[in-house]
């Protein structure tokens, strides 16, 4: 079972737009190197490394060395566990019905 600290690490990692951008890039194509990821953000190499370290500590990114290069891979499991724990329970039928009602009332109002 995941601890509160595990969830906190994932939420912290996802709170930053640059880290979400890096995760999006890995979702599009896994196994990118630091050089590839660095070329897609306006940030120093050191800055990208710091963001990747936070993502790794949260378990959202795993790495594998290939020669001198380190490849970064998205690990979607922690996001799924957050979804199941914190989001899915709020998408029950009654909550969905209330959200739909709110949308319709605002649209007609």
PDB file of N, CA and C in Angstrom:
ATOM      1  N   UNK A   1       0.838  -1.177   0.000  1.00  0.00           N
ATOM      2  CA  UNK A   1       0.000   0.000   0.000  1.00  0.00           C
ATOM      3  C   UNK A   1       0.885   1.242   0.000  1.00  0.00           C
ATOM      4  N   UNK A   2       0.485   2.233  -0.765  1.00  0.00           N
ATOM      5  CA  UNK A   2       1.245   3.487  -0.859  1.00  0.00           C
ATOM      6  C   UNK A   2       1.052   4.307   0.407  1.00  0.00           C
ATOM      7  N   UNK A   3       2.101   4.973   0.805  1.00  0.00           N
ATOM      8  CA  UNK A   3       2.012   5.836   1.977  1.00  0.00           C
ATOM      9  C   UNK A   3       1.641   7.252   1.560  1.00  0.00           C
ATOM     10  N   UNK A   4       1.289   8.051   2.540  1.00  0.00           N
ATOM     11  CA  UNK A   4       0.981   9.462   2.299  1.00  0.00           C
ATOM     12  C   UNK A   4       2.209  10.155   1.717  1.00  0.00           C
ATOM     13  N   UNK A   5       3.394   9.783   2.196  1.00  0.00           N
ATOM     14  CA  UNK A   5       4.632  10.382   1.696  1.00  0.00           C
ATOM     15  C   UNK A   5       4.823  10.077   0.221  1.00  0.00           C
ATOM     16  N   UNK A   6       4.474   8.867  -0.209  1.00  0.00           N
ATOM     17  CA  UNK A   6       4.558   8.515  -1.627  1.00  0.00           C
ATOM     18  C   UNK A   6       3.648   9.427  -2.446  1.00  0.00           C
ATOM     19  N   UNK A   7       2.416   9.588  -1.984  1.00  0.00           N
ATOM     20  CA  UNK A   7       1.465  10.470  -2.675  1.00  0.00           C
ATOM     21  C   UNK A   7       1.973  11.898  -2.696  1.00  0.00           C
ATOM     22  N   UNK A   8       2.532  12.355  -1.576  1.00  0.00           N
ATOM     23  CA  UNK A   8       3.056  13.723  -1.510  1.00  0.00           C
ATOM     24  C   UNK A   8       4.152  13.934  -2.548  1.00  0.00           C
ATOM     25  N   UNK A   9       5.029  12.954  -2.707  1.00  0.00           N
ATOM     26  CA  UNK A   9       6.105  13.058  -3.695  1.00  0.00           C
ATOM     27  C   UNK A   9       5.580  13.147  -5.111  1.00  0.00           C
ATOM     28  N   UNK A  10       4.546  12.378  -5.402  1.00  0.00           N
ATOM     29  CA  UNK A  10       3.950  12.409  -6.739  1.00  0.00           C
ATOM     30  C   UNK A  10       3.253  13.748  -6.970  1.00  0.00           C
ATOM     31  N   UNK A  11       2.478  14.205  -5.989  1.00  0.00           N
ATOM     32  CA  UNK A  11       1.811  15.499  -6.130  1.00  0.00           C
ATOM     33  C   UNK A  11       2.830  16.622  -6.294  1.00  0.00           C
ATOM     34  N   UNK A  12       3.897  16.574  -5.515  1.00  0.00           N
ATOM     35  CA  UNK A  12       4.949  17.595  -5.620  1.00  0.00           C
ATOM     36  C   UNK A  12       5.559  17.575  -7.021  1.00  0.00           C
ATOM     37  N   UNK A  13       5.845  16.390  -7.515  1.00  0.00           N
ATOM     38  CA  UNK A  13       6.449  16.275  -8.843  1.00  0.00           C
ATOM     39  C   UNK A  13       5.511  16.790  -9.921  1.00  0.00           C
ATOM     40  N   UNK A  14       4.231  16.484  -9.802  1.00  0.00           N
ATOM     41  CA  UNK A  14       3.259  16.904 -10.814  1.00  0.00           C
ATOM     42  C   UNK A  14       2.873  18.376 -10.703  1.00  0.00           C
ATOM     43  N   UNK A  15       3.203  19.017  -9.589  1.00  0.00           N
ATOM     44  CA  UNK A  15       2.816  20.413  -9.375  1.00  0.00           C
ATOM     45  C   UNK A  15       3.582  21.379 -10.271  1.00  0.00           C
ATOM     46  N   UNK A  16       4.723  20.964 -10.773  1.00  0.00           N
ATOM     47  CA  UNK A  16       5.557  21.862 -11.562  1.00  0.00           C
ATOM     48  C   UNK A  16       5.298  21.688 -13.056  1.00  0.00           C
ATOM     49  N   UNK A  17       5.031  22.785 -13.794  1.00  0.00           N
ATOM     50  CA  UNK A  17       4.734  22.673 -15.227  1.00  0.00           C
ATOM     51  C   UNK A  17       5.895  22.123 -16.057  1.00  0.00           C
ATOM     52  N   UNK A  18       7.121  22.410 -15.666  1.00  0.00           N
ATOM     53  CA  UNK A  18       8.262  21.874 -16.416  1.00  0.00           C
ATOM     54  C   UNK A  18       8.330  20.365 -16.266  1.00  0.00           C
ATOM     55  N   UNK A  19       8.075  19.867 -15.066  1.00  0.00           N
ATOM     56  CA  UNK A  19       8.100  18.414 -14.869  1.00  0.00           C
ATOM     57  C   UNK A  19       6.957  17.738 -15.625  1.00  0.00           C
ATOM     58  N   UNK A  20       5.795  18.383 -15.649  1.00  0.00           N
ATOM     59  CA  UNK A  20       4.683  17.812 -16.434  1.00  0.00           C
ATOM     60  C   UNK A  20       5.047  17.798 -17.914  1.00  0.00           C
ATOM     61  N   UNK A  21       5.723  18.843 -18.374  1.00  0.00           N
ATOM     62  CA  UNK A  21       6.169  18.903 -19.771  1.00  0.00           C
ATOM     63  C   UNK A  21       7.140  17.751 -20.069  1.00  0.00           C
ATOM     64  N   UNK A  22       8.085  17.506 -19.160  1.00  0.00           N
ATOM     65  CA  UNK A  22       9.026  16.404 -19.362  1.00  0.00           C
ATOM     66  C   UNK A  22       8.292  15.065 -19.407  1.00  0.00           C
ATOM     67  N   UNK A  23       7.311  14.886 -18.532  1.00  0.00           N
ATOM     68  CA  UNK A  23       6.523  13.645 -18.559  1.00  0.00           C
ATOM     69  C   UNK A  23       5.752  13.507 -19.871  1.00  0.00           C
ATOM     70  N   UNK A  24       5.216  14.619 -20.368  1.00  0.00           N
ATOM     71  CA  UNK A  24       4.515  14.586 -21.661  1.00  0.00           C
ATOM     72  C   UNK A  24       5.456  14.165 -22.779  1.00  0.00           C
ATOM     73  N   UNK A  25       6.686  14.674 -22.756  1.00  0.00           N
ATOM     74  CA  UNK A  25       7.659  14.298 -23.787  1.00  0.00           C
ATOM     75  C   UNK A  25       7.968  12.806 -23.698  1.00  0.00           C
ATOM     76  N   UNK A  26       8.095  12.287 -22.485  1.00  0.00           N
ATOM     77  CA  UNK A  26       8.369  10.852 -22.332  1.00  0.00           C
ATOM     78  C   UNK A  26       7.155  10.015 -22.707  1.00  0.00           C
ATOM     79  N   UNK A  27       5.963  10.552 -22.500  1.00  0.00           N
ATOM     80  CA  UNK A  27       4.763   9.839 -22.920  1.00  0.00           C
ATOM     81  C   UNK A  27       4.733   9.721 -24.443  1.00  0.00           C
ATOM     82  N   UNK A  28       5.137  10.797 -25.123  1.00  0.00           N
ATOM     83  CA  UNK A  28       5.165  10.790 -26.598  1.00  0.00           C
ATOM     84  C   UNK A  28       6.191   9.806 -27.133  1.00  0.00           C
ATOM     85  N   UNK A  29       7.360   9.783 -26.497  1.00  0.00           N
ATOM     86  CA  UNK A  29       8.408   8.844 -26.922  1.00  0.00           C
ATOM     87  C   UNK A  29       9.305   8.558 -25.730  1.00  0.00           C
ATOM     88  N   UNK A  30       9.215   7.354 -25.249  1.00  0.00           N
ATOM     89  CA  UNK A  30       9.981   6.924 -24.087  1.00  0.00           C
ATOM     90  C   UNK A  30      11.456   6.719 -24.436  1.00  0.00           C
ATOM     91  N   UNK A  31      12.287   6.706 -23.423  1.00  0.00           N
ATOM     92  CA  UNK A  31      13.690   6.375 -23.609  1.00  0.00           C
ATOM     93  C   UNK A  31      14.550   7.533 -24.074  1.00  0.00           C
ATOM     94  N   UNK A  32      14.138   8.747 -23.772  1.00  0.00           N
ATOM     95  CA  UNK A  32      14.905   9.918 -24.206  1.00  0.00           C
ATOM     96  C   UNK A  32      16.103  10.148 -23.284  1.00  0.00           C
ATOM     97  N   UNK A  33      17.135  10.722 -23.864  1.00  0.00           N
ATOM     98  CA  UNK A  33      18.318  11.075 -23.090  1.00  0.00           C
ATOM     99  C   UNK A  33      18.144  12.472 -22.507  1.00  0.00           C
ATOM    100  N   UNK A  34      19.031  12.820 -21.595  1.00  0.00           N
ATOM    101  CA  UNK A  34      19.025  14.152 -21.017  1.00  0.00           C
ATOM    102  C   UNK A  34      19.194  15.207 -22.106  1.00  0.00           C
ATOM    103  N   UNK A  35      20.070  14.953 -23.053  1.00  0.00           N
ATOM    104  CA  UNK A  35      20.301  15.902 -24.144  1.00  0.00           C
ATOM    105  C   UNK A  35      19.026  16.132 -24.944  1.00  0.00           C
ATOM    106  N   UNK A  36      18.295  15.075 -25.234  1.00  0.00           N
ATOM    107  CA  UNK A  36      17.036  15.215 -25.975  1.00  0.00           C
ATOM    108  C   UNK A  36      16.016  16.018 -25.176  1.00  0.00           C
ATOM    109  N   UNK A  37      15.884  15.701 -23.907  1.00  0.00           N
ATOM    110  CA  UNK A  37      14.914  16.399 -23.071  1.00  0.00           C
ATOM    111  C   UNK A  37      15.304  17.861 -22.869  1.00  0.00           C
ATOM    112  N   UNK A  38      16.587  18.095 -22.716  1.00  0.00           N
ATOM    113  CA  UNK A  38      17.084  19.458 -22.513  1.00  0.00           C
ATOM    114  C   UNK A  38      16.803  20.327 -23.733  1.00  0.00           C
ATOM    115  N   UNK A  39      16.849  19.748 -24.908  1.00  0.00           N
ATOM    116  CA  UNK A  39      16.650  20.527 -26.138  1.00  0.00           C
ATOM    117  C   UNK A  39      15.205  21.003 -26.297  1.00  0.00           C
ATOM    118  N   UNK A  40      14.292  20.462 -25.503  1.00  0.00           N
ATOM    119  CA  UNK A  40      12.878  20.799 -25.633  1.00  0.00           C
ATOM    120  C   UNK A  40      12.382  21.779 -24.578  1.00  0.00           C
ATOM    121  N   UNK A  41      13.269  22.239 -23.707  1.00  0.00           N
ATOM    122  CA  UNK A  41      12.887  23.218 -22.692  1.00  0.00           C
ATOM    123  C   UNK A  41      13.918  24.342 -22.672  1.00  0.00           C
ATOM    124  N   UNK A  42      13.461  25.506 -22.298  1.00  0.00           N
ATOM    125  CA  UNK A  42      14.372  26.648 -22.185  1.00  0.00           C
ATOM    126  C   UNK A  42      14.906  26.687 -20.762  1.00  0.00           C
ATOM    127  N   UNK A  43      15.908  25.838 -20.538  1.00  0.00           N
ATOM    128  CA  UNK A  43      16.446  25.676 -19.199  1.00  0.00           C
ATOM    129  C   UNK A  43      17.840  25.084 -19.332  1.00  0.00           C
ATOM    130  N   UNK A  44      18.658  25.318 -18.338  1.00  0.00           N
ATOM    131  CA  UNK A  44      19.999  24.748 -18.364  1.00  0.00           C
ATOM    132  C   UNK A  44      19.941  23.234 -18.184  1.00  0.00           C
ATOM    133  N   UNK A  45      21.006  22.585 -18.572  1.00  0.00           N
ATOM    134  CA  UNK A  45      21.123  21.141 -18.406  1.00  0.00           C
ATOM    135  C   UNK A  45      20.969  20.773 -16.922  1.00  0.00           C
ATOM    136  N   UNK A  46      21.611  21.577 -16.061  1.00  0.00           N
ATOM    137  CA  UNK A  46      21.534  21.330 -14.629  1.00  0.00           C
ATOM    138  C   UNK A  46      20.091  21.441 -14.135  1.00  0.00           C
ATOM    139  N   UNK A  47      19.345  22.419 -14.640  1.00  0.00           N
ATOM    140  CA  UNK A  47      17.941  22.583 -14.250  1.00  0.00           C
ATOM    141  C   UNK A  47      17.101  21.381 -14.640  1.00  0.00           C
ATOM    142  N   UNK A  48      17.312  20.875 -15.852  1.00  0.00           N
ATOM    143  CA  UNK A  48      16.573  19.694 -16.312  1.00  0.00           C
ATOM    144  C   UNK A  48      16.939  18.492 -15.446  1.00  0.00           C
ATOM    145  N   UNK A  49      18.214  18.370 -15.105  1.00  0.00           N
ATOM    146  CA  UNK A  49      18.647  17.256 -14.247  1.00  0.00           C
ATOM    147  C   UNK A  49      17.955  17.312 -12.891  1.00  0.00           C
ATOM    148  N   UNK A  50      17.807  18.500 -12.334  1.00  0.00           N
ATOM    149  CA  UNK A  50      17.128  18.640 -11.041  1.00  0.00           C
ATOM    150  C   UNK A  50      15.669  18.206 -11.144  1.00  0.00           C
ATOM    151  N   UNK A  51      14.999  18.604 -12.225  1.00  0.00           N
ATOM    152  CA  UNK A  51      13.604  18.201 -12.412  1.00  0.00           C
ATOM    153  C   UNK A  51      13.498  16.687 -12.601  1.00  0.00           C
ATOM    154  N   UNK A  52      14.393  16.112 -13.362  1.00  0.00           N
ATOM    155  CA  UNK A  52      14.367  14.662 -13.565  1.00  0.00           C
ATOM    156  C   UNK A  52      14.613  13.924 -12.255  1.00  0.00           C
ATOM    157  N   UNK A  53      15.461  14.472 -11.406  1.00  0.00           N
ATOM    158  CA  UNK A  53      15.725  13.842 -10.107  1.00  0.00           C
ATOM    159  C   UNK A  53      14.445  13.801  -9.260  1.00  0.00           C
ATOM    160  N   UNK A  54      13.674  14.899  -9.262  1.00  0.00           N
ATOM    161  CA  UNK A  54      12.410  14.926  -8.513  1.00  0.00           C
ATOM    162  C   UNK A  54      11.451  13.882  -9.081  1.00  0.00           C
ATOM    163  N   UNK A  55      11.393  13.784 -10.403  1.00  0.00           N
ATOM    164  CA  UNK A  55      10.514  12.802 -11.042  1.00  0.00           C
ATOM    165  C   UNK A  55      10.947  11.379 -10.709  1.00  0.00           C
ATOM    166  N   UNK A  56      12.251  11.141 -10.672  1.00  0.00           N
ATOM    167  CA  UNK A  56      12.758   9.816 -10.307  1.00  0.00           C
ATOM    168  C   UNK A  56      12.430   9.493  -8.852  1.00  0.00           C
ATOM    169  N   UNK A  57      12.628  10.459  -7.951  1.00  0.00           N
ATOM    170  CA  UNK A  57      12.347  10.233  -6.531  1.00  0.00           C
ATOM    171  C   UNK A  57      10.871   9.925  -6.301  1.00  0.00           C
ATOM    172  N   UNK A  58      10.002  10.491  -7.134  1.00  0.00           N
ATOM    173  CA  UNK A  58       8.565  10.222  -7.024  1.00  0.00           C
ATOM    174  C   UNK A  58       8.182   8.915  -7.712  1.00  0.00           C
ATOM    175  N   UNK A  59       9.135   8.292  -8.395  1.00  0.00           N
ATOM    176  CA  UNK A  59       8.860   7.038  -9.091  1.00  0.00           C
ATOM    177  C   UNK A  59       8.193   7.223 -10.441  1.00  0.00           C
ATOM    178  N   UNK A  60       8.114   8.459 -10.920  1.00  0.00           N
ATOM    179  CA  UNK A  60       7.447   8.733 -12.193  1.00  0.00           C
ATOM    180  C   UNK A  60       8.358   8.517 -13.397  1.00  0.00           C
ATOM    181  N   UNK A  61       9.653   8.506 -13.157  1.00  0.00           N
ATOM    182  CA  UNK A  61      10.631   8.278 -14.213  1.00  0.00           C
ATOM    183  C   UNK A  61      11.624   7.244 -13.714  1.00  0.00           C
ATOM    184  N   UNK A  62      11.940   6.306 -14.571  1.00  0.00           N
ATOM    185  CA  UNK A  62      12.996   5.338 -14.283  1.00  0.00           C
ATOM    186  C   UNK A  62      14.054   5.494 -15.365  1.00  0.00           C
ATOM    187  N   UNK A  63      15.282   5.138 -15.036  1.00  0.00           N
ATOM    188  CA  UNK A  63      16.379   5.312 -15.989  1.00  0.00           C
ATOM    189  C   UNK A  63      17.089   3.995 -16.237  1.00  0.00           C
ATOM    190  N   UNK A  64      17.745   3.971 -17.376  1.00  0.00           N
ATOM    191  CA  UNK A  64      18.563   2.801 -17.736  1.00  0.00           C
ATOM    192  C   UNK A  64      19.775   3.322 -18.493  1.00  0.00           C
ATOM    193  N   UNK A  65      20.925   2.869 -18.096  1.00  0.00           N
ATOM    194  CA  UNK A  65      22.157   3.267 -18.771  1.00  0.00           C
ATOM    195  C   UNK A  65      22.365   2.409 -20.006  1.00  0.00           C
ATOM    196  N   UNK A  66      22.850   3.067 -21.059  1.00  0.00           N
ATOM    197  CA  UNK A  66      23.235   2.390 -22.287  1.00  0.00           C
ATOM    198  C   UNK A  66      24.550   3.019 -22.717  1.00  0.00           C
ATOM    199  N   UNK A  67      25.643   2.362 -22.355  1.00  0.00           N
ATOM    200  CA  UNK A  67      26.949   2.959 -22.611  1.00  0.00           C
ATOM    201  C   UNK A  67      27.116   4.190 -21.749  1.00  0.00           C
ATOM    202  N   UNK A  68      27.438   5.311 -22.391  1.00  0.00           N
ATOM    203  CA  UNK A  68      27.640   6.555 -21.654  1.00  0.00           C
ATOM    204  C   UNK A  68      26.349   7.334 -21.454  1.00  0.00           C
ATOM    205  N   UNK A  69      25.292   6.900 -22.114  1.00  0.00           N
ATOM    206  CA  UNK A  69      24.028   7.630 -22.040  1.00  0.00           C
ATOM    207  C   UNK A  69      23.072   7.010 -21.029  1.00  0.00           C
ATOM    208  N   UNK A  70      22.256   7.867 -20.476  1.00  0.00           N
ATOM    209  CA  UNK A  70      21.224   7.449 -19.536  1.00  0.00           C
ATOM    210  C   UNK A  70      19.886   7.744 -20.202  1.00  0.00           C
ATOM    211  N   UNK A  71      19.061   6.730 -20.351  1.00  0.00           N
ATOM    212  CA  UNK A  71      17.759   6.884 -20.988  1.00  0.00           C
ATOM    213  C   UNK A  71      16.681   6.958 -19.908  1.00  0.00           C
ATOM    214  N   UNK A  72      15.720   7.860 -20.130  1.00  0.00           N
ATOM    215  CA  UNK A  72      14.652   8.113 -19.163  1.00  0.00           C
ATOM    216  C   UNK A  72      13.340   7.556 -19.699  1.00  0.00           C
ATOM    217  N   UNK A  73      12.621   6.858 -18.827  1.00  0.00           N
ATOM    218  CA  UNK A  73      11.362   6.217 -19.205  1.00  0.00           C
ATOM    219  C   UNK A  73      10.259   6.631 -18.232  1.00  0.00           C
ATOM    220  N   UNK A  74       9.087   6.848 -18.775  1.00  0.00           N
ATOM    221  CA  UNK A  74       7.918   7.180 -17.976  1.00  0.00           C
ATOM    222  C   UNK A  74       7.436   5.936 -17.245  1.00  0.00           C
ATOM    223  N   UNK A  75       7.153   6.095 -15.960  1.00  0.00           N
ATOM    224  CA  UNK A  75       6.517   5.042 -15.174  1.00  0.00           C
ATOM    225  C   UNK A  75       5.131   5.561 -14.786  1.00  0.00           C
ATOM    226  N   UNK A  76       4.079   5.140 -15.479  1.00  0.00           N
ATOM    227  CA  UNK A  76       2.749   5.681 -15.215  1.00  0.00           C
ATOM    228  C   UNK A  76       2.066   5.108 -13.973  1.00  0.00           C
ATOM    229  N   UNK A  77       2.651   4.114 -13.333  1.00  0.00           N
ATOM    230  CA  UNK A  77       1.999   3.451 -12.201  1.00  0.00           C
ATOM    231  C   UNK A  77       1.682   4.421 -11.064  1.00  0.00           C
ATOM    232  N   UNK A  78       2.617   5.277 -10.614  1.00  0.00           N
ATOM    233  CA  UNK A  78       2.255   6.187  -9.515  1.00  0.00           C
ATOM    234  C   UNK A  78       1.096   7.122  -9.867  1.00  0.00           C
ATOM    235  N   UNK A  79       1.008   7.552 -11.115  1.00  0.00           N
ATOM    236  CA  UNK A  79      -0.106   8.411 -11.528  1.00  0.00           C
ATOM    237  C   UNK A  79      -1.406   7.622 -11.465  1.00  0.00           C
ATOM    238  N   UNK A  80      -1.367   6.384 -11.883  1.00  0.00           N
ATOM    239  CA  UNK A  80      -2.564   5.544 -11.835  1.00  0.00           C
ATOM    240  C   UNK A  80      -3.015   5.319 -10.393  1.00  0.00           C
ATOM    241  N   UNK A  81      -2.056   5.102  -9.507  1.00  0.00           N
ATOM    242  CA  UNK A  81      -2.396   4.902  -8.097  1.00  0.00           C
ATOM    243  C   UNK A  81      -3.004   6.165  -7.495  1.00  0.00           C
ATOM    244  N   UNK A  82      -2.490   7.320  -7.880  1.00  0.00           N
ATOM    245  CA  UNK A  82      -3.084   8.592  -7.443  1.00  0.00           C
ATOM    246  C   UNK A  82      -4.501   8.702  -7.986  1.00  0.00           C
ATOM    247  N   UNK A  83      -4.672   8.358  -9.249  1.00  0.00           N
ATOM    248  CA  UNK A  83      -6.004   8.392  -9.868  1.00  0.00           C
ATOM    249  C   UNK A  83      -6.972   7.510  -9.088  1.00  0.00           C
ATOM    250  N   UNK A  84      -6.558   6.283  -8.844  1.00  0.00           N
ATOM    251  CA  UNK A  84      -7.440   5.346  -8.149  1.00  0.00           C
ATOM    252  C   UNK A  84      -7.765   5.810  -6.731  1.00  0.00           C
ATOM    253  N   UNK A  85      -6.785   6.392  -6.059  1.00  0.00           N
ATOM    254  CA  UNK A  85      -6.964   6.807  -4.659  1.00  0.00           C
ATOM    255  C   UNK A  85      -7.707   8.128  -4.524  1.00  0.00           C
ATOM    256  N   UNK A  86      -7.399   9.108  -5.387  1.00  0.00           N
ATOM    257  CA  UNK A  86      -7.884  10.462  -5.179  1.00  0.00           C
ATOM    258  C   UNK A  86      -8.871  10.970  -6.215  1.00  0.00           C
ATOM    259  N   UNK A  87      -8.902  10.395  -7.380  1.00  0.00           N
ATOM    260  CA  UNK A  87      -9.746  10.948  -8.440  1.00  0.00           C
ATOM    261  C   UNK A  87     -10.938  10.052  -8.735  1.00  0.00           C
ATOM    262  N   UNK A  88     -10.687   8.783  -8.882  1.00  0.00           N
ATOM    263  CA  UNK A  88     -11.730   7.852  -9.291  1.00  0.00           C
ATOM    264  C   UNK A  88     -12.936   7.871  -8.362  1.00  0.00           C
ATOM    265  N   UNK A  89     -12.690   7.964  -7.055  1.00  0.00           N
ATOM    266  CA  UNK A  89     -13.816   7.939  -6.121  1.00  0.00           C
ATOM    267  C   UNK A  89     -14.706   9.161  -6.270  1.00  0.00           C
ATOM    268  N   UNK A  90     -14.185  10.243  -6.843  1.00  0.00           N
ATOM    269  CA  UNK A  90     -14.979  11.454  -7.043  1.00  0.00           C
ATOM    270  C   UNK A  90     -15.699  11.473  -8.390  1.00  0.00           C
ATOM    271  N   UNK A  91     -15.499  10.449  -9.180  1.00  0.00           N
ATOM    272  CA  UNK A  91     -16.182  10.381 -10.469  1.00  0.00           C
ATOM    273  C   UNK A  91     -17.336   9.388 -10.443  1.00  0.00           C
ATOM    274  N   UNK A  92     -17.805   9.099  -9.259  1.00  0.00           N
ATOM    275  CA  UNK A  92     -18.955   8.229  -9.120  1.00  0.00           C
ATOM    276  C   UNK A  92     -20.143   8.839  -9.857  1.00  0.00           C
ATOM    277  N   UNK A  93     -21.143   8.035 -10.101  1.00  0.00           N
ATOM    278  CA  UNK A  93     -22.304   8.470 -10.859  1.00  0.00           C
ATOM    279  C   UNK A  93     -22.938   9.731 -10.300  1.00  0.00           C
ATOM    280  N   UNK A  94     -23.133   9.792  -8.991  1.00  0.00           N
ATOM    281  CA  UNK A  94     -23.818  10.964  -8.433  1.00  0.00           C
ATOM    282  C   UNK A  94     -22.987  12.229  -8.600  1.00  0.00           C
ATOM    283  N   UNK A  95     -21.682  12.125  -8.472  1.00  0.00           N
ATOM    284  CA  UNK A  95     -20.830  13.295  -8.666  1.00  0.00           C
ATOM    285  C   UNK A  95     -20.844  13.702 -10.129  1.00  0.00           C
ATOM    286  N   UNK A  96     -20.788  12.736 -11.022  1.00  0.00           N
ATOM    287  CA  UNK A  96     -20.862  13.028 -12.448  1.00  0.00           C
ATOM    288  C   UNK A  96     -22.188  13.687 -12.795  1.00  0.00           C
ATOM    289  N   UNK A  97     -23.264  13.204 -12.198  1.00  0.00           N
ATOM    290  CA  UNK A  97     -24.588  13.777 -12.438  1.00  0.00           C
ATOM    291  C   UNK A  97     -24.647  15.221 -11.958  1.00  0.00           C
ATOM    292  N   UNK A  98     -24.104  15.493 -10.790  1.00  0.00           N
ATOM    293  CA  UNK A  98     -24.086  16.859 -10.273  1.00  0.00           C
ATOM    294  C   UNK A  98     -23.235  17.786 -11.136  1.00  0.00           C
ATOM    295  N   UNK A  99     -22.115  17.297 -11.605  1.00  0.00           N
ATOM    296  CA  UNK A  99     -21.255  18.100 -12.472  1.00  0.00           C
ATOM    297  C   UNK A  99     -21.963  18.411 -13.786  1.00  0.00           C
ATOM    298  N   UNK A 100     -22.668  17.441 -14.329  1.00  0.00           N
ATOM    299  CA  UNK A 100     -23.429  17.641 -15.566  1.00  0.00           C
ATOM    300  C   UNK A 100     -24.544  18.655 -15.340  1.00  0.00           C
ATOM    301  N   UNK A 101     -25.248  18.548 -14.228  1.00  0.00           N
ATOM    302  CA  UNK A 101     -26.296  19.502 -13.891  1.00  0.00           C
ATOM    303  C   UNK A 101     -25.720  20.920 -13.772  1.00  0.00           C
ATOM    304  N   UNK A 102     -24.613  21.072 -13.087  1.00  0.00           N
ATOM    305  CA  UNK A 102     -23.955  22.368 -12.941  1.00  0.00           C
ATOM    306  C   UNK A 102     -23.607  22.948 -14.317  1.00  0.00           C
ATOM    307  N   UNK A 103     -23.044  22.112 -15.173  1.00  0.00           N
ATOM    308  CA  UNK A 103     -22.679  22.556 -16.520  1.00  0.00           C
ATOM    309  C   UNK A 103     -23.909  23.047 -17.286  1.00  0.00           C
ATOM    310  N   UNK A 104     -24.989  22.283 -17.229  1.00  0.00           N
ATOM    311  CA  UNK A 104     -26.219  22.660 -17.946  1.00  0.00           C
ATOM    312  C   UNK A 104     -26.821  23.947 -17.401  1.00  0.00           C
ATOM    313  N   UNK A 105     -26.836  24.092 -16.088  1.00  0.00           N
ATOM    314  CA  UNK A 105     -27.382  25.309 -15.482  1.00  0.00           C
ATOM    315  C   UNK A 105     -26.555  26.532 -15.848  1.00  0.00           C
ATOM    316  N   UNK A 106     -25.255  26.400 -15.837  1.00  0.00           N
ATOM    317  CA  UNK A 106     -24.403  27.520 -16.216  1.00  0.00           C
ATOM    318  C   UNK A 106     -24.531  27.863 -17.689  1.00  0.00           C
ATOM    319  N   UNK A 107     -24.754  26.876 -18.499  1.00  0.00           N
ATOM    320  CA  UNK A 107     -24.897  27.087 -19.949  1.00  0.00           C
ATOM    321  C   UNK A 107     -26.197  27.837 -20.261  1.00  0.00           C
ATOM    322  N   UNK A 108     -27.255  27.508 -19.552  1.00  0.00           N
ATOM    323  CA  UNK A 108     -28.548  28.139 -19.824  1.00  0.00           C
ATOM    324  C   UNK A 108     -28.716  29.455 -19.074  1.00  0.00           C
ATOM    325  N   UNK A 109     -27.910  29.655 -18.035  1.00  0.00           N
ATOM    326  CA  UNK A 109     -28.045  30.836 -17.180  1.00  0.00           C
ATOM    327  C   UNK A 109     -27.343  31.994 -17.742  1.00  0.00           C
TER     328      UNK A 109
END
